[in-house]
Full PDB file with SEQRES, HELIX, SHEET, SSBOND, CRYST1, ORIGX, SCALE, CONECT and MASTER records, all heavy atoms in Angstrom:
SEQRES   1 A   39  ALA CYS ILE ALA GLY THR ARG VAL LEU VAL THR THR VAL          
SEQRES   2 A   39  LEU ASP ASN LEU ALA SER GLY LEU ASP SER GLU GLU ILE          
SEQRES   3 A   39  THR SER SER TYR PRO SER VAL SER HIS ASP ALA VAL ARG          
HELIX    1 AA1 VAL A   10  ALA A   18  1                                   9    
HELIX    2 AA2 SER A   23  SER A   29  1                                   7    
HELIX    3 AA3 HIS A   35  VAL A   38  1                                   4    
CRYST1    1.000    1.000    1.000  90.00  90.00  90.00 P 1           1          
ORIGX1      1.000000  0.000000  0.000000        0.00000                         
ORIGX2      0.000000  1.000000  0.000000        0.00000                         
ORIGX3      0.000000  0.000000  1.000000        0.00000                         
SCALE1      1.000000  0.000000  0.000000        0.00000                         
SCALE2      0.000000  1.000000  0.000000        0.00000                         
SCALE3      0.000000  0.000000  1.000000        0.00000                         
ATOM      1  N   ALA A   1      85.201 131.161 120.083  1.00  0.00           N  
ATOM      2  CA  ALA A   1      85.513 132.586 120.096  1.00  0.00           C  
ATOM      3  C   ALA A   1      86.505 132.896 121.224  1.00  0.00           C  
ATOM      4  O   ALA A   1      86.279 132.513 122.376  1.00  0.00           O  
ATOM      5  CB  ALA A   1      84.250 133.407 120.260  1.00  0.00           C  
ATOM      6  N   CYS A   2      87.589 133.589 120.852  1.00  0.00           N  
ATOM      7  CA  CYS A   2      88.640 133.951 121.805  1.00  0.00           C  
ATOM      8  C   CYS A   2      88.923 135.447 121.713  1.00  0.00           C  
ATOM      9  O   CYS A   2      88.633 136.083 120.703  1.00  0.00           O  
ATOM     10  CB  CYS A   2      89.950 133.241 121.467  1.00  0.00           C  
ATOM     11  SG  CYS A   2      89.918 131.469 121.689  1.00  0.00           S  
ATOM     12  N   ILE A   3      89.548 135.950 122.758  1.00  0.00           N  
ATOM     13  CA  ILE A   3      90.073 137.306 122.714  1.00  0.00           C  
ATOM     14  C   ILE A   3      91.259 137.276 121.745  1.00  0.00           C  
ATOM     15  O   ILE A   3      92.129 136.400 121.852  1.00  0.00           O  
ATOM     16  CB  ILE A   3      90.525 137.781 124.111  1.00  0.00           C  
ATOM     17  CG1 ILE A   3      89.366 137.693 125.126  1.00  0.00           C  
ATOM     18  CG2 ILE A   3      91.105 139.181 124.044  1.00  0.00           C  
ATOM     19  CD1 ILE A   3      88.132 138.489 124.783  1.00  0.00           C  
ATOM     20  N   ALA A   4      91.276 138.182 120.796  1.00  0.00           N  
ATOM     21  CA  ALA A   4      92.319 138.180 119.745  1.00  0.00           C  
ATOM     22  C   ALA A   4      93.716 138.162 120.351  1.00  0.00           C  
ATOM     23  O   ALA A   4      93.998 138.869 121.317  1.00  0.00           O  
ATOM     24  CB  ALA A   4      92.146 139.415 118.861  1.00  0.00           C  
ATOM     25  N   GLY A   5      94.564 137.312 119.786  1.00  0.00           N  
ATOM     26  CA  GLY A   5      95.949 137.217 120.219  1.00  0.00           C  
ATOM     27  C   GLY A   5      96.154 136.419 121.488  1.00  0.00           C  
ATOM     28  O   GLY A   5      97.263 136.364 122.012  1.00  0.00           O  
ATOM     29  N   THR A   6      95.087 135.797 121.997  1.00  0.00           N  
ATOM     30  CA  THR A   6      95.181 135.002 123.217  1.00  0.00           C  
ATOM     31  C   THR A   6      94.476 133.669 123.001  1.00  0.00           C  
ATOM     32  O   THR A   6      93.891 133.430 121.952  1.00  0.00           O  
ATOM     33  CB  THR A   6      94.504 135.703 124.423  1.00  0.00           C  
ATOM     34  OG1 THR A   6      93.085 135.583 124.305  1.00  0.00           O  
ATOM     35  CG2 THR A   6      94.900 137.167 124.519  1.00  0.00           C  
ATOM     36  N   ARG A   7      94.520 132.859 124.024  1.00  0.00           N  
ATOM     37  CA  ARG A   7      93.719 131.644 124.061  1.00  0.00           C  
ATOM     38  C   ARG A   7      92.656 131.748 125.154  1.00  0.00           C  
ATOM     39  O   ARG A   7      92.171 130.744 125.663  1.00  0.00           O  
ATOM     40  CB  ARG A   7      94.614 130.418 124.261  1.00  0.00           C  
ATOM     41  CG  ARG A   7      95.471 130.129 123.043  1.00  0.00           C  
ATOM     42  CD  ARG A   7      96.278 128.870 123.220  1.00  0.00           C  
ATOM     43  NE  ARG A   7      97.006 128.560 122.012  1.00  0.00           N  
ATOM     44  CZ  ARG A   7      96.548 127.828 121.006  1.00  0.00           C  
ATOM     45  NH1 ARG A   7      95.338 127.329 121.061  1.00  0.00           N  
ATOM     46  NH2 ARG A   7      97.293 127.606 119.944  1.00  0.00           N  
ATOM     47  N   VAL A   8      92.314 132.965 125.492  1.00  0.00           N  
ATOM     48  CA  VAL A   8      91.277 133.214 126.501  1.00  0.00           C  
ATOM     49  C   VAL A   8      89.938 133.217 125.792  1.00  0.00           C  
ATOM     50  O   VAL A   8      89.681 134.059 124.925  1.00  0.00           O  
ATOM     51  CB  VAL A   8      91.514 134.545 127.248  1.00  0.00           C  
ATOM     52  CG1 VAL A   8      90.395 134.780 128.269  1.00  0.00           C  
ATOM     53  CG2 VAL A   8      92.881 134.549 127.931  1.00  0.00           C  
ATOM     54  N   LEU A   9      89.084 132.286 126.154  1.00  0.00           N  
ATOM     55  CA  LEU A   9      87.778 132.174 125.523  1.00  0.00           C  
ATOM     56  C   LEU A   9      86.867 133.330 125.938  1.00  0.00           C  
ATOM     57  O   LEU A   9      86.920 133.791 127.092  1.00  0.00           O  
ATOM     58  CB  LEU A   9      87.104 130.856 125.905  1.00  0.00           C  
ATOM     59  CG  LEU A   9      87.796 129.570 125.472  1.00  0.00           C  
ATOM     60  CD1 LEU A   9      87.091 128.382 126.097  1.00  0.00           C  
ATOM     61  CD2 LEU A   9      87.826 129.461 123.965  1.00  0.00           C  
ATOM     62  N   VAL A  10      86.047 133.759 125.016  1.00  0.00           N  
ATOM     63  CA  VAL A  10      85.053 134.787 125.329  1.00  0.00           C  
ATOM     64  C   VAL A  10      84.147 134.280 126.452  1.00  0.00           C  
ATOM     65  O   VAL A  10      83.776 135.042 127.351  1.00  0.00           O  
ATOM     66  CB  VAL A  10      84.245 135.168 124.072  1.00  0.00           C  
ATOM     67  CG1 VAL A  10      83.050 136.041 124.430  1.00  0.00           C  
ATOM     68  CG2 VAL A  10      85.142 135.857 123.059  1.00  0.00           C  
ATOM     69  N   THR A  11      83.821 133.007 126.411  1.00  0.00           N  
ATOM     70  CA  THR A  11      82.960 132.458 127.466  1.00  0.00           C  
ATOM     71  C   THR A  11      83.626 132.549 128.838  1.00  0.00           C  
ATOM     72  O   THR A  11      82.923 132.717 129.843  1.00  0.00           O  
ATOM     73  CB  THR A  11      82.571 130.993 127.184  1.00  0.00           C  
ATOM     74  OG1 THR A  11      83.754 130.218 127.000  1.00  0.00           O  
ATOM     75  CG2 THR A  11      81.680 130.885 125.966  1.00  0.00           C  
ATOM     76  N   THR A  12      84.938 132.465 128.895  1.00  0.00           N  
ATOM     77  CA  THR A  12      85.637 132.612 130.173  1.00  0.00           C  
ATOM     78  C   THR A  12      85.441 134.021 130.724  1.00  0.00           C  
ATOM     79  O   THR A  12      85.140 134.212 131.908  1.00  0.00           O  
ATOM     80  CB  THR A  12      87.144 132.326 129.998  1.00  0.00           C  
ATOM     81  OG1 THR A  12      87.299 130.978 129.544  1.00  0.00           O  
ATOM     82  CG2 THR A  12      87.903 132.517 131.296  1.00  0.00           C  
ATOM     83  N   VAL A  13      85.568 135.009 129.848  1.00  0.00           N  
ATOM     84  CA  VAL A  13      85.357 136.407 130.261  1.00  0.00           C  
ATOM     85  C   VAL A  13      83.913 136.595 130.722  1.00  0.00           C  
ATOM     86  O   VAL A  13      83.653 137.160 131.786  1.00  0.00           O  
ATOM     87  CB  VAL A  13      85.709 137.387 129.123  1.00  0.00           C  
ATOM     88  CG1 VAL A  13      85.355 138.815 129.491  1.00  0.00           C  
ATOM     89  CG2 VAL A  13      87.201 137.275 128.773  1.00  0.00           C  
ATOM     90  N   LEU A  14      82.962 136.105 129.932  1.00  0.00           N  
ATOM     91  CA  LEU A  14      81.550 136.263 130.273  1.00  0.00           C  
ATOM     92  C   LEU A  14      81.184 135.512 131.545  1.00  0.00           C  
ATOM     93  O   LEU A  14      80.415 136.029 132.374  1.00  0.00           O  
ATOM     94  CB  LEU A  14      80.675 135.807 129.110  1.00  0.00           C  
ATOM     95  CG  LEU A  14      80.817 136.631 127.828  1.00  0.00           C  
ATOM     96  CD1 LEU A  14      80.048 135.964 126.691  1.00  0.00           C  
ATOM     97  CD2 LEU A  14      80.362 138.063 128.042  1.00  0.00           C  
ATOM     98  N   ASP A  15      81.719 134.325 131.732  1.00  0.00           N  
ATOM     99  CA  ASP A  15      81.462 133.562 132.956  1.00  0.00           C  
ATOM    100  C   ASP A  15      81.974 134.317 134.183  1.00  0.00           C  
ATOM    101  O   ASP A  15      81.322 134.331 135.229  1.00  0.00           O  
ATOM    102  CB  ASP A  15      82.104 132.180 132.903  1.00  0.00           C  
ATOM    103  CG  ASP A  15      81.401 131.208 131.970  1.00  0.00           C  
ATOM    104  OD1 ASP A  15      80.235 131.463 131.605  1.00  0.00           O  
ATOM    105  OD2 ASP A  15      82.030 130.198 131.591  1.00  0.00           O  
ATOM    106  N   ASN A  16      83.145 134.925 134.053  1.00  0.00           N  
ATOM    107  CA  ASN A  16      83.694 135.713 135.155  1.00  0.00           C  
ATOM    108  C   ASN A  16      82.819 136.926 135.460  1.00  0.00           C  
ATOM    109  O   ASN A  16      82.567 137.234 136.631  1.00  0.00           O  
ATOM    110  CB  ASN A  16      85.125 136.155 134.838  1.00  0.00           C  
ATOM    111  CG  ASN A  16      86.139 135.073 135.151  1.00  0.00           C  
ATOM    112  OD1 ASN A  16      86.534 134.898 136.286  1.00  0.00           O  
ATOM    113  ND2 ASN A  16      86.537 134.336 134.126  1.00  0.00           N  
ATOM    114  N   LEU A  17      82.341 137.589 134.442  1.00  0.00           N  
ATOM    115  CA  LEU A  17      81.435 138.724 134.646  1.00  0.00           C  
ATOM    116  C   LEU A  17      80.145 138.257 135.320  1.00  0.00           C  
ATOM    117  O   LEU A  17      79.659 138.902 136.257  1.00  0.00           O  
ATOM    118  CB  LEU A  17      81.125 139.413 133.318  1.00  0.00           C  
ATOM    119  CG  LEU A  17      82.273 140.214 132.696  1.00  0.00           C  
ATOM    120  CD1 LEU A  17      81.939 140.565 131.249  1.00  0.00           C  
ATOM    121  CD2 LEU A  17      82.561 141.469 133.506  1.00  0.00           C  
ATOM    122  N   ALA A  18      79.609 137.149 134.856  1.00  0.00           N  
ATOM    123  CA  ALA A  18      78.364 136.622 135.414  1.00  0.00           C  
ATOM    124  C   ALA A  18      78.552 136.203 136.877  1.00  0.00           C  
ATOM    125  O   ALA A  18      77.591 136.249 137.660  1.00  0.00           O  
ATOM    126  CB  ALA A  18      77.875 135.436 134.593  1.00  0.00           C  
ATOM    127  N   SER A  19      79.765 135.847 137.243  1.00  0.00           N  
ATOM    128  CA  SER A  19      80.051 135.448 138.630  1.00  0.00           C  
ATOM    129  C   SER A  19      80.271 136.646 139.538  1.00  0.00           C  
ATOM    130  O   SER A  19      80.478 136.486 140.734  1.00  0.00           O  
ATOM    131  CB  SER A  19      81.296 134.560 138.672  1.00  0.00           C  
ATOM    132  OG  SER A  19      81.048 133.348 138.024  1.00  0.00           O  
ATOM    133  N   GLY A  20      80.247 137.847 138.952  1.00  0.00           N  
ATOM    134  CA  GLY A  20      80.367 139.047 139.767  1.00  0.00           C  
ATOM    135  C   GLY A  20      81.706 139.741 139.712  1.00  0.00           C  
ATOM    136  O   GLY A  20      81.891 140.777 140.351  1.00  0.00           O  
ATOM    137  N   LEU A  21      82.665 139.180 138.975  1.00  0.00           N  
ATOM    138  CA  LEU A  21      83.942 139.861 138.834  1.00  0.00           C  
ATOM    139  C   LEU A  21      83.779 141.089 137.954  1.00  0.00           C  
ATOM    140  O   LEU A  21      82.942 141.091 137.045  1.00  0.00           O  
ATOM    141  CB  LEU A  21      84.996 138.927 138.218  1.00  0.00           C  
ATOM    142  CG  LEU A  21      85.740 138.007 139.201  1.00  0.00           C  
ATOM    143  CD1 LEU A  21      84.816 136.967 139.774  1.00  0.00           C  
ATOM    144  CD2 LEU A  21      86.908 137.349 138.500  1.00  0.00           C  
ATOM    145  N   ASP A  22      84.575 142.112 138.213  1.00  0.00           N  
ATOM    146  CA  ASP A  22      84.533 143.291 137.362  1.00  0.00           C  
ATOM    147  C   ASP A  22      85.708 143.249 136.381  1.00  0.00           C  
ATOM    148  O   ASP A  22      86.561 142.357 136.430  1.00  0.00           O  
ATOM    149  CB  ASP A  22      84.510 144.579 138.169  1.00  0.00           C  
ATOM    150  CG  ASP A  22      85.743 144.789 139.044  1.00  0.00           C  
ATOM    151  OD1 ASP A  22      86.819 144.232 138.729  1.00  0.00           O  
ATOM    152  OD2 ASP A  22      85.634 145.518 140.044  1.00  0.00           O  
ATOM    153  N   SER A  23      85.720 144.193 135.484  1.00  0.00           N  
ATOM    154  CA  SER A  23      86.730 144.240 134.436  1.00  0.00           C  
ATOM    155  C   SER A  23      88.142 144.260 135.015  1.00  0.00           C  
ATOM    156  O   SER A  23      89.054 143.607 134.502  1.00  0.00           O  
ATOM    157  CB  SER A  23      86.495 145.465 133.554  1.00  0.00           C  
ATOM    158  OG  SER A  23      87.447 145.529 132.529  1.00  0.00           O  
ATOM    159  N   GLU A  24      88.336 144.998 136.095  1.00  0.00           N  
ATOM    160  CA  GLU A  24      89.657 145.100 136.718  1.00  0.00           C  
ATOM    161  C   GLU A  24      90.133 143.738 137.232  1.00  0.00           C  
ATOM    162  O   GLU A  24      91.301 143.359 137.056  1.00  0.00           O  
ATOM    163  CB  GLU A  24      89.610 146.114 137.882  1.00  0.00           C  
ATOM    164  CG  GLU A  24      90.964 146.433 138.448  1.00  0.00           C  
ATOM    165  CD  GLU A  24      91.883 147.124 137.463  1.00  0.00           C  
ATOM    166  OE1 GLU A  24      91.416 147.974 136.696  1.00  0.00           O  
ATOM    167  OE2 GLU A  24      93.088 146.789 137.459  1.00  0.00           O  
ATOM    168  N   GLU A  25      89.235 142.987 137.846  1.00  0.00           N  
ATOM    169  CA  GLU A  25      89.590 141.662 138.352  1.00  0.00           C  
ATOM    170  C   GLU A  25      89.911 140.702 137.211  1.00  0.00           C  
ATOM    171  O   GLU A  25      90.834 139.880 137.315  1.00  0.00           O  
ATOM    172  CB  GLU A  25      88.460 141.119 139.214  1.00  0.00           C  
ATOM    173  CG  GLU A  25      88.273 141.879 140.512  1.00  0.00           C  
ATOM    174  CD  GLU A  25      87.004 141.520 141.240  1.00  0.00           C  
ATOM    175  OE1 GLU A  25      85.915 141.567 140.610  1.00  0.00           O  
ATOM    176  OE2 GLU A  25      87.095 141.199 142.433  1.00  0.00           O  
ATOM    177  N   ILE A  26      89.169 140.806 136.129  1.00  0.00           N  
ATOM    178  CA  ILE A  26      89.402 139.917 134.988  1.00  0.00           C  
ATOM    179  C   ILE A  26      90.748 140.232 134.334  1.00  0.00           C  
ATOM    180  O   ILE A  26      91.537 139.327 134.060  1.00  0.00           O  
ATOM    181  CB  ILE A  26      88.240 140.021 133.973  1.00  0.00           C  
ATOM    182  CG1 ILE A  26      86.967 139.465 134.605  1.00  0.00           C  
ATOM    183  CG2 ILE A  26      88.589 139.279 132.669  1.00  0.00           C  
ATOM    184  CD1 ILE A  26      85.703 139.754 133.836  1.00  0.00           C  
ATOM    185  N   THR A  27      91.026 141.503 134.114  1.00  0.00           N  
ATOM    186  CA  THR A  27      92.303 141.862 133.490  1.00  0.00           C  
ATOM    187  C   THR A  27      93.482 141.568 134.402  1.00  0.00           C  
ATOM    188  O   THR A  27      94.579 141.305 133.930  1.00  0.00           O  
ATOM    189  CB  THR A  27      92.322 143.336 133.043  1.00  0.00           C  
ATOM    190  OG1 THR A  27      92.088 144.176 134.169  1.00  0.00           O  
ATOM    191  CG2 THR A  27      91.288 143.594 131.967  1.00  0.00           C  
ATOM    192  N   SER A  28      93.251 141.557 135.690  1.00  0.00           N  
ATOM    193  CA  SER A  28      94.304 141.182 136.632  1.00  0.00           C  
ATOM    194  C   SER A  28      94.577 139.680 136.562  1.00  0.00           C  
ATOM    195  O   SER A  28      95.725 139.241 136.598  1.00  0.00           O  
ATOM    196  CB  SER A  28      93.889 141.584 138.051  1.00  0.00           C  
ATOM    197  OG  SER A  28      94.868 141.188 138.986  1.00  0.00           O  
ATOM    198  N   SER A  29      93.509 138.896 136.443  1.00  0.00           N  
ATOM    199  CA  SER A  29      93.649 137.436 136.341  1.00  0.00           C  
ATOM    200  C   SER A  29      94.168 137.001 134.983  1.00  0.00           C  
ATOM    201  O   SER A  29      94.837 135.968 134.877  1.00  0.00           O  
ATOM    202  CB  SER A  29      92.298 136.755 136.593  1.00  0.00           C  
ATOM    203  OG  SER A  29      91.874 136.970 137.915  1.00  0.00           O  
ATOM    204  N   TYR A  30      93.830 137.749 133.953  1.00  0.00           N  
ATOM    205  CA  TYR A  30      94.231 137.439 132.573  1.00  0.00           C  
ATOM    206  C   TYR A  30      94.922 138.670 131.994  1.00  0.00           C  
ATOM    207  O   TYR A  30      94.283 139.473 131.297  1.00  0.00           O  
ATOM    208  CB  TYR A  30      93.012 137.060 131.719  1.00  0.00           C  
ATOM    209  CG  TYR A  30      92.266 135.861 132.245  1.00  0.00           C  
ATOM    210  CD1 TYR A  30      91.169 136.019 133.101  1.00  0.00           C  
ATOM    211  CD2 TYR A  30      92.661 134.577 131.911  1.00  0.00           C  
ATOM    212  CE1 TYR A  30      90.489 134.917 133.602  1.00  0.00           C  
ATOM    213  CE2 TYR A  30      91.984 133.464 132.404  1.00  0.00           C  
ATOM    214  CZ  TYR A  30      90.893 133.645 133.242  1.00  0.00           C  
ATOM    215  OH  TYR A  30      90.230 132.553 133.736  1.00  0.00           O  
ATOM    216  N   PRO A  31      96.208 138.849 132.277  1.00  0.00           N  
ATOM    217  CA  PRO A  31      96.918 140.075 131.846  1.00  0.00           C  
ATOM    218  C   PRO A  31      96.914 140.324 130.337  1.00  0.00           C  
ATOM    219  O   PRO A  31      97.059 141.461 129.903  1.00  0.00           O  
ATOM    220  CB  PRO A  31      98.341 139.858 132.358  1.00  0.00           C  
ATOM    221  CG  PRO A  31      98.233 138.842 133.436  1.00  0.00           C  
ATOM    222  CD  PRO A  31      97.042 137.987 133.073  1.00  0.00           C  
ATOM    223  N   SER A  32      96.696 139.287 129.546  1.00  0.00           N  
ATOM    224  CA  SER A  32      96.663 139.472 128.091  1.00  0.00           C  
ATOM    225  C   SER A  32      95.325 140.007 127.601  1.00  0.00           C  
ATOM    226  O   SER A  32      95.161 140.321 126.421  1.00  0.00           O  
ATOM    227  CB  SER A  32      96.976 138.151 127.377  1.00  0.00           C  
ATOM    228  OG  SER A  32      96.033 137.158 127.738  1.00  0.00           O  
ATOM    229  N   VAL A  33      94.359 140.146 128.525  1.00  0.00           N  
ATOM    230  CA  VAL A  33      93.023 140.642 128.180  1.00  0.00           C  
ATOM    231  C   VAL A  33      92.907 142.103 128.655  1.00  0.00           C  
ATOM    232  O   VAL A  33      93.100 142.399 129.821  1.00  0.00           O  
ATOM    233  CB  VAL A  33      91.925 139.780 128.840  1.00  0.00           C  
ATOM    234  CG1 VAL A  33      90.546 140.353 128.579  1.00  0.00           C  
ATOM    235  CG2 VAL A  33      92.021 138.343 128.350  1.00  0.00           C  
ATOM    236  N   SER A  34      92.588 142.977 127.716  1.00  0.00           N  
ATOM    237  CA  SER A  34      92.447 144.401 128.036  1.00  0.00           C  
ATOM    238  C   SER A  34      91.018 144.711 128.491  1.00  0.00           C  
ATOM    239  O   SER A  34      90.092 143.914 128.292  1.00  0.00           O  
ATOM    240  CB  SER A  34      92.775 145.255 126.819  1.00  0.00           C  
ATOM    241  OG  SER A  34      91.794 145.066 125.815  1.00  0.00           O  
ATOM    242  N   HIS A  35      90.857 145.887 129.079  1.00  0.00           N  
ATOM    243  CA  HIS A  35      89.508 146.324 129.463  1.00  0.00           C  
ATOM    244  C   HIS A  35      88.614 146.445 128.225  1.00  0.00           C  
ATOM    245  O   HIS A  35      87.431 146.092 128.279  1.00  0.00           O  
ATOM    246  CB  HIS A  35      89.565 147.659 130.205  1.00  0.00           C  
ATOM    247  CG  HIS A  35      90.234 147.554 131.539  1.00  0.00           C  
ATOM    248  ND1 HIS A  35      89.613 147.009 132.638  1.00  0.00           N  
ATOM    249  CD2 HIS A  35      91.474 147.911 131.951  1.00  0.00           C  
ATOM    250  CE1 HIS A  35      90.436 147.037 133.669  1.00  0.00           C  
ATOM    251  NE2 HIS A  35      91.573 147.581 133.281  1.00  0.00           N  
ATOM    252  N   ASP A  36      89.179 146.912 127.116  1.00  0.00           N  
ATOM    253  CA  ASP A  36      88.391 147.005 125.875  1.00  0.00           C  
ATOM    254  C   ASP A  36      87.978 145.618 125.396  1.00  0.00           C  
ATOM    255  O   ASP A  36      86.879 145.452 124.855  1.00  0.00           O  
ATOM    256  CB  ASP A  36      89.182 147.729 124.786  1.00  0.00           C  
ATOM    257  CG  ASP A  36      89.224 149.222 124.997  1.00  0.00           C  
ATOM    258  OD1 ASP A  36      88.386 149.755 125.755  1.00  0.00           O  
ATOM    259  OD2 ASP A  36      90.107 149.868 124.395  1.00  0.00           O  
ATOM    260  N   ALA A  37      88.828 144.628 125.587  1.00  0.00           N  
ATOM    261  CA  ALA A  37      88.484 143.261 125.175  1.00  0.00           C  
ATOM    262  C   ALA A  37      87.344 142.729 126.028  1.00  0.00           C  
ATOM    263  O   ALA A  37      86.470 142.000 125.521  1.00  0.00           O  
ATOM    264  CB  ALA A  37      89.697 142.354 125.283  1.00  0.00           C  
ATOM    265  N   VAL A  38      87.303 143.095 127.305  1.00  0.00           N  
ATOM    266  CA  VAL A  38      86.186 142.687 128.164  1.00  0.00           C  
ATOM    267  C   VAL A  38      84.898 143.312 127.653  1.00  0.00           C  
ATOM    268  O   VAL A  38      83.865 142.640 127.519  1.00  0.00           O  
ATOM    269  CB  VAL A  38      86.446 143.074 129.646  1.00  0.00           C  
ATOM    270  CG1 VAL A  38      85.202 142.819 130.496  1.00  0.00           C  
ATOM    271  CG2 VAL A  38      87.654 142.316 130.197  1.00  0.00           C  
ATOM    272  N   ARG A  39      84.946 144.592 127.319  1.00  0.00           N  
ATOM    273  CA  ARG A  39      83.770 145.253 126.760  1.00  0.00           C  
ATOM    274  C   ARG A  39      83.363 144.621 125.427  1.00  0.00           C  
ATOM    275  O   ARG A  39      82.181 144.477 125.125  1.00  0.00           O  
ATOM    276  CB  ARG A  39      84.036 146.749 126.584  1.00  0.00           C  
ATOM    277  CG  ARG A  39      84.053 147.478 127.913  1.00  0.00           C  
ATOM    278  CD  ARG A  39      84.219 148.989 127.817  1.00  0.00           C  
ATOM    279  NE  ARG A  39      83.796 149.577 126.576  1.00  0.00           N  
ATOM    280  CZ  ARG A  39      84.534 150.433 125.869  1.00  0.00           C  
ATOM    281  NH1 ARG A  39      85.725 150.794 126.280  1.00  0.00           N  
ATOM    282  NH2 ARG A  39      84.078 150.945 124.740  1.00  0.00           N  
TER     283      ARG A  39                                                      
MASTER        0    0    0    3    0    0    0    6  282    1    0    3          
END                                                                             
């Protein structure tokens, strides 16, 4: 499972959230991932 239109795995997003990163930090690290995609 990936974020649509990217090669960013859903598990990558979830792992980052579990590590304490917030949506802003994730979208900054992965510019192709939107805040809605994190949700």
